[in-house]
Structure formats: C-alpha cells, structure tokens
Amino acid sequence: MSNETPDPAEAIARALSRLRARRMPGGAHAHGPHGHGHGGPHGEHGQPHGHRGGFGAPPWMGGPGPGSRLGGPAWIRMLDALATASEPLSVSAVGEAIGVDQPRASRLVQQGVQRGLVVREADPSDARRTRIALTDEGRRIAQGMRGERRQALSKALESFTDEEARELARLLSKLADNWG
C-alpha cells in the first residue's frame, strides 16, 4: 500500500471508481447496439434498483416532477471525476474518466450546466476549447456522495481484519491498474 492512500476504505473506493469507469472490450457499444443509456429493461435506469428518488432522497436521486433526476450512475461518476481531478477537465476527458462516449459526456455536461452543478470555462492554453469544473453546489453534492460511499464501505469492511482490508485494497487497486 502506498503512503498516499493509507486508508483501505479510501483505496478501495478509488479502485472501484476506476473500475466502474472502464468498459468491457468493444467500447461504448459493448452492451448492445444502444449502449447502457437506451432506457430498455436492462439499460441505465438512472437510479439503483428499488430507489425512486423524490422527497427526502439525495439530490442526485431526483426529486418530484419529470426530468428532475440527474441521470444515475453516469452522473455520479461525472461529479466524482470532476471532484477528484486536479484541474477542470475537457468534455472528452470527462467521458474517458467515466466510461462514456464524447456525445454522452457532452449531454451530461449540458444537463449539469442547466442544473447549476458544473460550469464551462475557457481553456487557458487554447481559448477555443472549454473545460468543465464543478460549481459550489456540484462540489457539495459530490462530497455528499463520496461521504455516503465511504460510510458504506467502512461498514462493509467491519468484518474484515485490518490485514484483510489492506489486502483487498491492494488487489482491487492492482486490478484497476491492469484493467483494459
């Protein structure tokens, strides 16, 4: 385990995020001709099974009314990728970080702009390009999601010894490093 991530729960969370962002061999359409977001019975539902969002649900789960949810797993990955990046990302870099093609990343970014969670800013090295950064509200939501994920991981690791947790973190990190 490296000194930069001594906490197994944090290392596991990072490795799982990296693995979630990767696609199976074959690219964005490896899951059929319509990819994940086709809205079919096994496509991206926008919310974990059994959750409907609404009043009292976290903001990324959606609220009452049509079109209010944030778009599910891809949204969570986008906000997390932007929160952990050392600087704002291009739309292409967002897509690569979260495992979606550039057009899908562009749509997610546009929805984020409309909801006030991300902003487009000029790239200082090339004014023709834009970079994507979180707004204060986007950062608040990303931190909330990361806190909940961290809490869930810590609870799941309660039955592990310290050595087992470190070994799981090491192996998941190794898998993420070597995945496609």
N, C-alpha and C. Protein backbone atom coordinates (compact mmCIF):
# COMPACT_ATOMS: atom_id res chain seq x y z
N MET A 1 0.85 -1.18 0.00
CA MET A 1 0.00 0.00 0.00
C MET A 1 0.89 1.24 0.00
N SER A 2 0.58 2.21 -0.78
CA SER A 2 1.40 3.41 -0.83
C SER A 2 1.04 4.34 0.31
N ASN A 3 1.91 5.30 0.56
CA ASN A 3 1.67 6.26 1.63
C ASN A 3 0.58 7.26 1.28
N GLU A 4 0.29 7.44 -0.02
CA GLU A 4 -0.70 8.44 -0.41
C GLU A 4 -2.13 8.01 -0.09
N THR A 5 -2.40 6.71 0.03
CA THR A 5 -3.73 6.23 0.39
C THR A 5 -3.62 5.16 1.47
N PRO A 6 -3.24 5.56 2.69
CA PRO A 6 -3.04 4.57 3.74
C PRO A 6 -4.35 3.94 4.23
N ASP A 7 -5.47 4.59 4.00
CA ASP A 7 -6.75 4.09 4.48
C ASP A 7 -7.33 3.10 3.47
N PRO A 8 -7.53 1.84 3.86
CA PRO A 8 -8.05 0.85 2.92
C PRO A 8 -9.40 1.24 2.32
N ALA A 9 -10.30 1.81 3.10
CA ALA A 9 -11.62 2.17 2.57
C ALA A 9 -11.48 3.18 1.44
N GLU A 10 -10.60 4.16 1.60
CA GLU A 10 -10.40 5.16 0.55
C GLU A 10 -9.76 4.53 -0.69
N ALA A 11 -8.78 3.66 -0.48
CA ALA A 11 -8.12 2.99 -1.61
C ALA A 11 -9.12 2.10 -2.36
N ILE A 12 -9.97 1.41 -1.63
CA ILE A 12 -10.99 0.56 -2.26
C ILE A 12 -11.97 1.41 -3.04
N ALA A 13 -12.41 2.52 -2.47
CA ALA A 13 -13.35 3.42 -3.16
C ALA A 13 -12.74 3.93 -4.46
N ARG A 14 -11.47 4.32 -4.43
CA ARG A 14 -10.81 4.80 -5.64
C ARG A 14 -10.70 3.71 -6.69
N ALA A 15 -10.32 2.51 -6.27
CA ALA A 15 -10.19 1.41 -7.22
C ALA A 15 -11.54 1.06 -7.83
N LEU A 16 -12.59 1.02 -7.02
CA LEU A 16 -13.92 0.71 -7.55
C LEU A 16 -14.38 1.78 -8.53
N SER A 17 -14.10 3.04 -8.24
CA SER A 17 -14.46 4.12 -9.17
C SER A 17 -13.73 3.95 -10.49
N ARG A 18 -12.46 3.61 -10.43
CA ARG A 18 -11.70 3.41 -11.66
C ARG A 18 -12.24 2.23 -12.45
N LEU A 19 -12.62 1.17 -11.77
CA LEU A 19 -13.17 0.00 -12.47
C LEU A 19 -14.53 0.31 -13.07
N ARG A 20 -15.37 1.05 -12.36
CA ARG A 20 -16.70 1.40 -12.88
C ARG A 20 -16.61 2.23 -14.14
N ALA A 21 -15.58 3.04 -14.23
CA ALA A 21 -15.44 3.93 -15.38
C ALA A 21 -14.97 3.19 -16.63
N ARG A 22 -14.46 2.01 -16.47
CA ARG A 22 -13.94 1.26 -17.61
C ARG A 22 -15.04 0.44 -18.25
N ARG A 23 -14.96 0.29 -19.55
CA ARG A 23 -15.92 -0.51 -20.33
C ARG A 23 -15.33 -1.88 -20.59
N MET A 24 -16.22 -2.81 -20.88
CA MET A 24 -15.78 -4.12 -21.34
C MET A 24 -15.17 -3.93 -22.72
N PRO A 25 -14.31 -4.87 -23.17
CA PRO A 25 -13.74 -4.74 -24.51
C PRO A 25 -14.84 -4.57 -25.55
N GLY A 26 -14.62 -3.66 -26.49
CA GLY A 26 -15.61 -3.42 -27.52
C GLY A 26 -16.11 -1.99 -27.50
N GLY A 27 -15.72 -1.22 -26.49
CA GLY A 27 -16.07 0.19 -26.45
C GLY A 27 -17.43 0.47 -25.89
N ALA A 28 -17.95 1.64 -26.22
CA ALA A 28 -19.19 2.14 -25.63
C ALA A 28 -20.39 1.30 -26.00
N HIS A 29 -20.32 0.53 -27.09
CA HIS A 29 -21.47 -0.25 -27.51
C HIS A 29 -21.32 -1.73 -27.20
N ALA A 30 -20.46 -2.06 -26.25
CA ALA A 30 -20.21 -3.46 -25.91
C ALA A 30 -21.43 -4.13 -25.28
N HIS A 31 -22.39 -3.35 -24.83
CA HIS A 31 -23.57 -3.90 -24.19
C HIS A 31 -24.77 -3.90 -25.12
N GLY A 32 -24.52 -3.97 -26.40
CA GLY A 32 -25.61 -3.98 -27.37
C GLY A 32 -25.56 -2.75 -28.23
N PRO A 33 -26.43 -2.67 -29.22
CA PRO A 33 -26.36 -1.58 -30.18
C PRO A 33 -26.71 -0.23 -29.60
N HIS A 34 -27.31 -0.19 -28.42
CA HIS A 34 -27.72 1.08 -27.85
C HIS A 34 -26.93 1.46 -26.61
N GLY A 35 -25.94 0.69 -26.21
CA GLY A 35 -25.15 1.00 -25.03
C GLY A 35 -26.00 0.94 -23.78
N HIS A 36 -25.53 1.55 -22.70
CA HIS A 36 -26.21 1.50 -21.41
C HIS A 36 -27.44 2.39 -21.33
N GLY A 37 -27.43 3.51 -21.98
CA GLY A 37 -28.46 4.51 -21.74
C GLY A 37 -29.69 4.39 -22.60
N HIS A 38 -29.98 3.22 -23.18
CA HIS A 38 -31.08 3.09 -24.11
C HIS A 38 -32.44 3.11 -23.45
N GLY A 39 -32.50 2.98 -22.14
CA GLY A 39 -33.78 3.04 -21.45
C GLY A 39 -34.55 1.75 -21.47
N GLY A 40 -33.95 0.69 -21.99
CA GLY A 40 -34.62 -0.61 -22.03
C GLY A 40 -34.62 -1.25 -20.66
N PRO A 41 -35.10 -2.49 -20.58
CA PRO A 41 -35.26 -3.12 -19.28
C PRO A 41 -33.95 -3.35 -18.55
N HIS A 42 -32.83 -3.37 -19.26
CA HIS A 42 -31.56 -3.59 -18.59
C HIS A 42 -30.61 -2.43 -18.81
N GLY A 43 -31.11 -1.33 -19.30
CA GLY A 43 -30.28 -0.17 -19.55
C GLY A 43 -30.07 0.61 -18.27
N GLU A 44 -29.52 1.78 -18.41
CA GLU A 44 -29.25 2.63 -17.27
C GLU A 44 -30.56 3.23 -16.78
N HIS A 45 -31.00 2.83 -15.63
CA HIS A 45 -32.29 3.27 -15.10
C HIS A 45 -32.22 4.66 -14.51
N GLY A 46 -31.05 5.11 -14.19
CA GLY A 46 -30.93 6.42 -13.57
C GLY A 46 -30.91 6.33 -12.07
N GLN A 47 -31.30 5.20 -11.50
CA GLN A 47 -31.32 5.07 -10.05
C GLN A 47 -31.08 3.61 -9.70
N PRO A 48 -30.48 3.36 -8.55
CA PRO A 48 -30.27 1.99 -8.14
C PRO A 48 -31.60 1.26 -8.02
N HIS A 49 -31.58 -0.05 -8.22
CA HIS A 49 -32.80 -0.85 -8.10
C HIS A 49 -33.46 -0.61 -6.76
N GLY A 50 -34.76 -0.42 -6.79
CA GLY A 50 -35.52 -0.25 -5.57
C GLY A 50 -35.57 1.17 -5.06
N HIS A 51 -34.91 2.11 -5.71
CA HIS A 51 -34.93 3.50 -5.26
C HIS A 51 -35.64 4.35 -6.30
N ARG A 52 -36.45 5.24 -5.85
CA ARG A 52 -37.22 6.07 -6.76
C ARG A 52 -36.87 7.55 -6.66
N GLY A 53 -36.06 7.96 -5.72
CA GLY A 53 -35.79 9.38 -5.55
C GLY A 53 -36.98 10.06 -4.92
N GLY A 54 -37.14 11.33 -5.16
CA GLY A 54 -38.29 12.04 -4.63
C GLY A 54 -37.94 12.80 -3.36
N PHE A 55 -38.97 13.22 -2.63
CA PHE A 55 -38.77 13.99 -1.41
C PHE A 55 -37.94 13.19 -0.41
N GLY A 56 -36.97 13.82 0.20
CA GLY A 56 -36.15 13.17 1.21
C GLY A 56 -35.00 12.36 0.64
N ALA A 57 -34.95 12.16 -0.66
CA ALA A 57 -33.86 11.41 -1.27
C ALA A 57 -32.70 12.36 -1.54
N PRO A 58 -31.48 11.83 -1.67
CA PRO A 58 -30.35 12.69 -2.00
C PRO A 58 -30.61 13.40 -3.33
N PRO A 59 -30.02 14.59 -3.54
CA PRO A 59 -30.30 15.37 -4.75
C PRO A 59 -30.00 14.64 -6.04
N TRP A 60 -28.99 13.76 -6.07
CA TRP A 60 -28.66 13.06 -7.30
C TRP A 60 -29.64 11.94 -7.62
N MET A 61 -30.52 11.58 -6.68
CA MET A 61 -31.52 10.54 -6.93
C MET A 61 -32.76 11.11 -7.61
N GLY A 62 -32.87 12.39 -7.66
CA GLY A 62 -34.01 13.00 -8.34
C GLY A 62 -35.07 13.44 -7.37
N GLY A 63 -35.80 14.41 -7.77
CA GLY A 63 -36.87 14.93 -6.94
C GLY A 63 -38.19 14.70 -7.61
N PRO A 64 -39.23 15.30 -7.09
CA PRO A 64 -40.53 15.13 -7.71
C PRO A 64 -40.58 15.85 -9.05
N GLY A 65 -41.36 15.34 -9.95
CA GLY A 65 -41.56 16.00 -11.23
C GLY A 65 -40.73 15.38 -12.33
N PRO A 66 -41.18 15.57 -13.57
CA PRO A 66 -40.49 14.97 -14.70
C PRO A 66 -39.13 15.62 -14.94
N GLY A 67 -38.18 14.81 -15.35
CA GLY A 67 -36.87 15.31 -15.74
C GLY A 67 -36.02 15.83 -14.61
N SER A 68 -36.36 15.54 -13.36
CA SER A 68 -35.62 16.14 -12.27
C SER A 68 -34.45 15.29 -11.80
N ARG A 69 -34.40 14.01 -12.16
CA ARG A 69 -33.27 13.21 -11.70
C ARG A 69 -32.02 13.58 -12.48
N LEU A 70 -30.89 13.27 -11.92
CA LEU A 70 -29.63 13.69 -12.50
C LEU A 70 -29.07 12.73 -13.54
N GLY A 71 -29.64 11.58 -13.74
CA GLY A 71 -29.15 10.70 -14.77
C GLY A 71 -28.44 9.47 -14.25
N GLY A 72 -28.45 9.22 -12.98
CA GLY A 72 -27.98 7.98 -12.42
C GLY A 72 -26.49 7.80 -12.34
N PRO A 73 -26.03 6.57 -12.56
CA PRO A 73 -24.63 6.24 -12.35
C PRO A 73 -23.65 7.11 -13.12
N ALA A 74 -23.97 7.47 -14.35
CA ALA A 74 -23.05 8.31 -15.12
C ALA A 74 -22.90 9.68 -14.46
N TRP A 75 -23.98 10.22 -13.91
CA TRP A 75 -23.92 11.50 -13.20
C TRP A 75 -23.03 11.41 -11.99
N ILE A 76 -23.23 10.35 -11.22
CA ILE A 76 -22.43 10.17 -10.02
C ILE A 76 -20.95 10.08 -10.39
N ARG A 77 -20.64 9.30 -11.43
CA ARG A 77 -19.24 9.18 -11.86
C ARG A 77 -18.70 10.51 -12.36
N MET A 78 -19.52 11.30 -13.08
CA MET A 78 -19.05 12.58 -13.59
C MET A 78 -18.72 13.53 -12.44
N LEU A 79 -19.63 13.67 -11.50
CA LEU A 79 -19.38 14.58 -10.38
C LEU A 79 -18.16 14.12 -9.59
N ASP A 80 -18.02 12.81 -9.38
CA ASP A 80 -16.87 12.29 -8.65
C ASP A 80 -15.58 12.54 -9.42
N ALA A 81 -15.59 12.33 -10.73
CA ALA A 81 -14.39 12.55 -11.54
C ALA A 81 -13.96 14.02 -11.48
N LEU A 82 -14.92 14.92 -11.58
CA LEU A 82 -14.59 16.35 -11.51
C LEU A 82 -14.11 16.74 -10.12
N ALA A 83 -14.68 16.13 -9.08
CA ALA A 83 -14.28 16.45 -7.71
C ALA A 83 -12.87 15.97 -7.40
N THR A 84 -12.46 14.87 -8.00
CA THR A 84 -11.14 14.32 -7.70
C THR A 84 -10.06 14.78 -8.68
N ALA A 85 -10.45 15.44 -9.76
CA ALA A 85 -9.46 15.91 -10.74
C ALA A 85 -8.66 17.07 -10.16
N SER A 86 -7.40 17.17 -10.54
CA SER A 86 -6.55 18.24 -10.03
C SER A 86 -6.84 19.57 -10.71
N GLU A 87 -7.54 19.54 -11.84
CA GLU A 87 -7.92 20.75 -12.56
C GLU A 87 -9.18 20.45 -13.37
N PRO A 88 -9.85 21.49 -13.88
CA PRO A 88 -11.04 21.24 -14.71
C PRO A 88 -10.69 20.34 -15.90
N LEU A 89 -11.68 19.58 -16.36
CA LEU A 89 -11.48 18.60 -17.43
C LEU A 89 -12.18 19.01 -18.71
N SER A 90 -11.64 18.59 -19.85
CA SER A 90 -12.35 18.76 -21.12
C SER A 90 -13.51 17.78 -21.15
N VAL A 91 -14.46 18.00 -22.05
CA VAL A 91 -15.59 17.07 -22.18
C VAL A 91 -15.08 15.68 -22.53
N SER A 92 -14.09 15.60 -23.41
CA SER A 92 -13.52 14.30 -23.77
C SER A 92 -12.89 13.61 -22.57
N ALA A 93 -12.18 14.38 -21.75
CA ALA A 93 -11.56 13.80 -20.55
C ALA A 93 -12.62 13.34 -19.55
N VAL A 94 -13.73 14.08 -19.45
CA VAL A 94 -14.84 13.65 -18.60
C VAL A 94 -15.36 12.31 -19.10
N GLY A 95 -15.60 12.21 -20.41
CA GLY A 95 -16.09 10.96 -20.98
C GLY A 95 -15.16 9.80 -20.72
N GLU A 96 -13.87 10.03 -20.92
CA GLU A 96 -12.88 8.98 -20.67
C GLU A 96 -12.87 8.57 -19.20
N ALA A 97 -12.95 9.55 -18.31
CA ALA A 97 -12.90 9.26 -16.87
C ALA A 97 -14.10 8.46 -16.39
N ILE A 98 -15.26 8.65 -17.03
CA ILE A 98 -16.47 7.98 -16.54
C ILE A 98 -16.94 6.85 -17.44
N GLY A 99 -16.22 6.60 -18.53
CA GLY A 99 -16.54 5.45 -19.38
C GLY A 99 -17.72 5.64 -20.30
N VAL A 100 -17.91 6.87 -20.80
CA VAL A 100 -18.96 7.11 -21.79
C VAL A 100 -18.34 7.76 -23.01
N ASP A 101 -19.04 7.70 -24.15
CA ASP A 101 -18.50 8.33 -25.35
C ASP A 101 -18.66 9.85 -25.25
N GLN A 102 -18.00 10.56 -26.16
CA GLN A 102 -17.98 12.02 -26.11
C GLN A 102 -19.37 12.63 -26.23
N PRO A 103 -20.24 12.16 -27.12
CA PRO A 103 -21.58 12.76 -27.18
C PRO A 103 -22.37 12.61 -25.87
N ARG A 104 -22.26 11.45 -25.23
CA ARG A 104 -22.96 11.24 -23.95
C ARG A 104 -22.36 12.16 -22.89
N ALA A 105 -21.03 12.29 -22.86
CA ALA A 105 -20.38 13.18 -21.90
C ALA A 105 -20.84 14.62 -22.13
N SER A 106 -20.96 15.02 -23.39
CA SER A 106 -21.41 16.37 -23.71
C SER A 106 -22.83 16.62 -23.20
N ARG A 107 -23.71 15.62 -23.37
CA ARG A 107 -25.09 15.76 -22.86
C ARG A 107 -25.11 15.85 -21.34
N LEU A 108 -24.30 15.03 -20.67
CA LEU A 108 -24.24 15.08 -19.21
C LEU A 108 -23.75 16.44 -18.73
N VAL A 109 -22.73 16.96 -19.40
CA VAL A 109 -22.20 18.28 -19.04
C VAL A 109 -23.27 19.35 -19.24
N GLN A 110 -23.96 19.31 -20.37
CA GLN A 110 -25.00 20.31 -20.64
C GLN A 110 -26.09 20.25 -19.57
N GLN A 111 -26.51 19.05 -19.18
CA GLN A 111 -27.51 18.92 -18.12
C GLN A 111 -26.96 19.48 -16.80
N GLY A 112 -25.68 19.23 -16.55
CA GLY A 112 -25.06 19.76 -15.34
C GLY A 112 -25.02 21.28 -15.32
N VAL A 113 -24.74 21.87 -16.48
CA VAL A 113 -24.76 23.34 -16.60
C VAL A 113 -26.16 23.86 -16.32
N GLN A 114 -27.17 23.22 -16.92
CA GLN A 114 -28.55 23.66 -16.73
C GLN A 114 -28.98 23.57 -15.27
N ARG A 115 -28.46 22.60 -14.54
CA ARG A 115 -28.81 22.43 -13.13
C ARG A 115 -27.92 23.21 -12.18
N GLY A 116 -26.92 23.90 -12.73
CA GLY A 116 -26.05 24.71 -11.90
C GLY A 116 -25.01 23.91 -11.13
N LEU A 117 -24.69 22.71 -11.59
CA LEU A 117 -23.73 21.86 -10.89
C LEU A 117 -22.34 21.93 -11.49
N VAL A 118 -22.25 22.27 -12.78
CA VAL A 118 -20.96 22.42 -13.44
C VAL A 118 -20.99 23.69 -14.28
N VAL A 119 -19.80 24.20 -14.57
CA VAL A 119 -19.67 25.36 -15.45
C VAL A 119 -18.64 25.04 -16.52
N ARG A 120 -18.83 25.67 -17.67
CA ARG A 120 -17.83 25.60 -18.73
C ARG A 120 -16.96 26.84 -18.59
N GLU A 121 -15.66 26.65 -18.73
CA GLU A 121 -14.74 27.78 -18.67
C GLU A 121 -13.74 27.65 -19.81
N ALA A 122 -13.20 28.77 -20.25
CA ALA A 122 -12.23 28.75 -21.34
C ALA A 122 -10.96 28.04 -20.88
N ASP A 123 -10.39 27.25 -21.77
CA ASP A 123 -9.12 26.58 -21.50
C ASP A 123 -8.02 27.64 -21.62
N PRO A 124 -7.23 27.87 -20.56
CA PRO A 124 -6.20 28.92 -20.62
C PRO A 124 -5.15 28.69 -21.69
N SER A 125 -4.94 27.44 -22.11
CA SER A 125 -3.93 27.17 -23.13
C SER A 125 -4.49 27.23 -24.54
N ASP A 126 -5.82 27.21 -24.69
CA ASP A 126 -6.46 27.27 -26.00
C ASP A 126 -7.88 27.79 -25.82
N ALA A 127 -8.08 29.08 -26.07
CA ALA A 127 -9.38 29.72 -25.82
C ALA A 127 -10.52 29.14 -26.65
N ARG A 128 -10.20 28.37 -27.68
CA ARG A 128 -11.26 27.74 -28.49
C ARG A 128 -11.88 26.55 -27.77
N ARG A 129 -11.17 26.02 -26.80
CA ARG A 129 -11.65 24.84 -26.07
C ARG A 129 -12.23 25.25 -24.72
N THR A 130 -13.11 24.41 -24.20
CA THR A 130 -13.65 24.67 -22.87
C THR A 130 -13.28 23.52 -21.94
N ARG A 131 -13.25 23.86 -20.67
CA ARG A 131 -13.03 22.86 -19.64
C ARG A 131 -14.23 22.89 -18.71
N ILE A 132 -14.45 21.79 -18.01
CA ILE A 132 -15.61 21.65 -17.14
C ILE A 132 -15.14 21.63 -15.70
N ALA A 133 -15.80 22.44 -14.86
CA ALA A 133 -15.48 22.49 -13.43
C ALA A 133 -16.78 22.43 -12.63
N LEU A 134 -16.68 21.96 -11.41
CA LEU A 134 -17.84 21.92 -10.52
C LEU A 134 -18.14 23.31 -9.98
N THR A 135 -19.41 23.61 -9.81
CA THR A 135 -19.82 24.79 -9.07
C THR A 135 -19.75 24.43 -7.59
N ASP A 136 -19.98 25.40 -6.72
CA ASP A 136 -20.02 25.11 -5.28
C ASP A 136 -21.08 24.07 -4.97
N GLU A 137 -22.25 24.18 -5.62
CA GLU A 137 -23.33 23.22 -5.39
C GLU A 137 -22.93 21.84 -5.91
N GLY A 138 -22.29 21.77 -7.06
CA GLY A 138 -21.83 20.49 -7.59
C GLY A 138 -20.81 19.84 -6.68
N ARG A 139 -19.90 20.66 -6.13
CA ARG A 139 -18.89 20.14 -5.20
C ARG A 139 -19.56 19.63 -3.92
N ARG A 140 -20.57 20.34 -3.44
CA ARG A 140 -21.28 19.92 -2.22
C ARG A 140 -21.95 18.56 -2.44
N ILE A 141 -22.59 18.40 -3.58
CA ILE A 141 -23.26 17.12 -3.88
C ILE A 141 -22.23 16.01 -4.04
N ALA A 142 -21.13 16.29 -4.74
CA ALA A 142 -20.09 15.27 -4.92
C ALA A 142 -19.51 14.84 -3.58
N GLN A 143 -19.27 15.79 -2.70
CA GLN A 143 -18.73 15.45 -1.38
C GLN A 143 -19.73 14.62 -0.58
N GLY A 144 -21.01 14.93 -0.71
CA GLY A 144 -22.03 14.15 -0.02
C GLY A 144 -22.07 12.72 -0.52
N MET A 145 -21.98 12.55 -1.83
CA MET A 145 -21.97 11.20 -2.41
C MET A 145 -20.75 10.43 -1.96
N ARG A 146 -19.60 11.09 -1.97
CA ARG A 146 -18.36 10.42 -1.56
C ARG A 146 -18.41 10.04 -0.09
N GLY A 147 -19.01 10.90 0.74
CA GLY A 147 -19.14 10.59 2.16
C GLY A 147 -20.03 9.39 2.39
N GLU A 148 -21.14 9.32 1.66
CA GLU A 148 -22.04 8.17 1.78
C GLU A 148 -21.36 6.89 1.31
N ARG A 149 -20.63 6.98 0.21
CA ARG A 149 -19.92 5.80 -0.31
C ARG A 149 -18.87 5.34 0.70
N ARG A 150 -18.16 6.31 1.27
CA ARG A 150 -17.12 6.00 2.26
C ARG A 150 -17.73 5.33 3.49
N GLN A 151 -18.86 5.84 3.94
CA GLN A 151 -19.56 5.26 5.10
C GLN A 151 -19.98 3.82 4.80
N ALA A 152 -20.55 3.59 3.63
CA ALA A 152 -20.99 2.24 3.26
C ALA A 152 -19.81 1.28 3.18
N LEU A 153 -18.69 1.74 2.62
CA LEU A 153 -17.50 0.89 2.54
C LEU A 153 -16.96 0.58 3.92
N SER A 154 -16.90 1.57 4.78
CA SER A 154 -16.40 1.34 6.14
C SER A 154 -17.26 0.30 6.86
N LYS A 155 -18.56 0.40 6.69
CA LYS A 155 -19.47 -0.57 7.31
C LYS A 155 -19.23 -1.97 6.73
N ALA A 156 -19.07 -2.05 5.41
CA ALA A 156 -18.83 -3.35 4.78
C ALA A 156 -17.51 -3.96 5.24
N LEU A 157 -16.53 -3.13 5.59
CA LEU A 157 -15.22 -3.63 6.00
C LEU A 157 -15.14 -3.97 7.48
N GLU A 158 -16.21 -3.74 8.24
CA GLU A 158 -16.18 -4.00 9.68
C GLU A 158 -15.85 -5.45 10.00
N SER A 159 -16.26 -6.39 9.16
CA SER A 159 -16.00 -7.80 9.44
C SER A 159 -14.63 -8.26 8.93
N PHE A 160 -13.88 -7.36 8.31
CA PHE A 160 -12.55 -7.67 7.81
C PHE A 160 -11.52 -7.32 8.89
N THR A 161 -10.44 -8.10 8.95
CA THR A 161 -9.32 -7.68 9.78
C THR A 161 -8.63 -6.53 9.06
N ASP A 162 -7.77 -5.80 9.77
CA ASP A 162 -7.02 -4.72 9.12
C ASP A 162 -6.18 -5.26 7.96
N GLU A 163 -5.58 -6.42 8.18
CA GLU A 163 -4.76 -7.03 7.13
C GLU A 163 -5.61 -7.40 5.91
N GLU A 164 -6.80 -7.96 6.13
CA GLU A 164 -7.68 -8.32 5.02
C GLU A 164 -8.13 -7.08 4.24
N ALA A 165 -8.45 -6.01 4.95
CA ALA A 165 -8.88 -4.77 4.29
C ALA A 165 -7.75 -4.20 3.44
N ARG A 166 -6.53 -4.20 3.99
CA ARG A 166 -5.38 -3.70 3.22
C ARG A 166 -5.13 -4.57 1.98
N GLU A 167 -5.27 -5.89 2.15
CA GLU A 167 -5.04 -6.81 1.02
C GLU A 167 -6.11 -6.62 -0.05
N LEU A 168 -7.36 -6.46 0.35
CA LEU A 168 -8.43 -6.20 -0.62
C LEU A 168 -8.16 -4.90 -1.37
N ALA A 169 -7.75 -3.87 -0.65
CA ALA A 169 -7.44 -2.59 -1.28
C ALA A 169 -6.29 -2.75 -2.28
N ARG A 170 -5.26 -3.49 -1.89
CA ARG A 170 -4.11 -3.71 -2.77
C ARG A 170 -4.53 -4.46 -4.03
N LEU A 171 -5.32 -5.52 -3.86
CA LEU A 171 -5.73 -6.32 -5.01
C LEU A 171 -6.68 -5.57 -5.94
N LEU A 172 -7.63 -4.83 -5.39
CA LEU A 172 -8.54 -4.04 -6.24
C LEU A 172 -7.78 -2.95 -6.99
N SER A 173 -6.81 -2.33 -6.32
CA SER A 173 -6.00 -1.30 -6.99
C SER A 173 -5.19 -1.92 -8.12
N LYS A 174 -4.65 -3.10 -7.87
CA LYS A 174 -3.88 -3.79 -8.91
C LYS A 174 -4.78 -4.15 -10.09
N LEU A 175 -5.98 -4.64 -9.80
CA LEU A 175 -6.93 -4.97 -10.86
C LEU A 175 -7.28 -3.72 -11.68
N ALA A 176 -7.57 -2.61 -11.00
CA ALA A 176 -7.91 -1.36 -11.70
C ALA A 176 -6.74 -0.88 -12.55
N ASP A 177 -5.51 -1.02 -12.03
CA ASP A 177 -4.32 -0.61 -12.79
C ASP A 177 -4.16 -1.40 -14.08
N ASN A 178 -4.57 -2.66 -14.06
CA ASN A 178 -4.32 -3.55 -15.18
C ASN A 178 -5.54 -3.84 -16.04
N TRP A 179 -6.68 -3.24 -15.71
CA TRP A 179 -7.90 -3.49 -16.47
C TRP A 179 -7.85 -2.70 -17.77
N GLY A 180 -7.97 -3.39 -18.91
CA GLY A 180 -8.07 -2.80 -20.25
C GLY A 180 -7.43 -1.52 -20.36
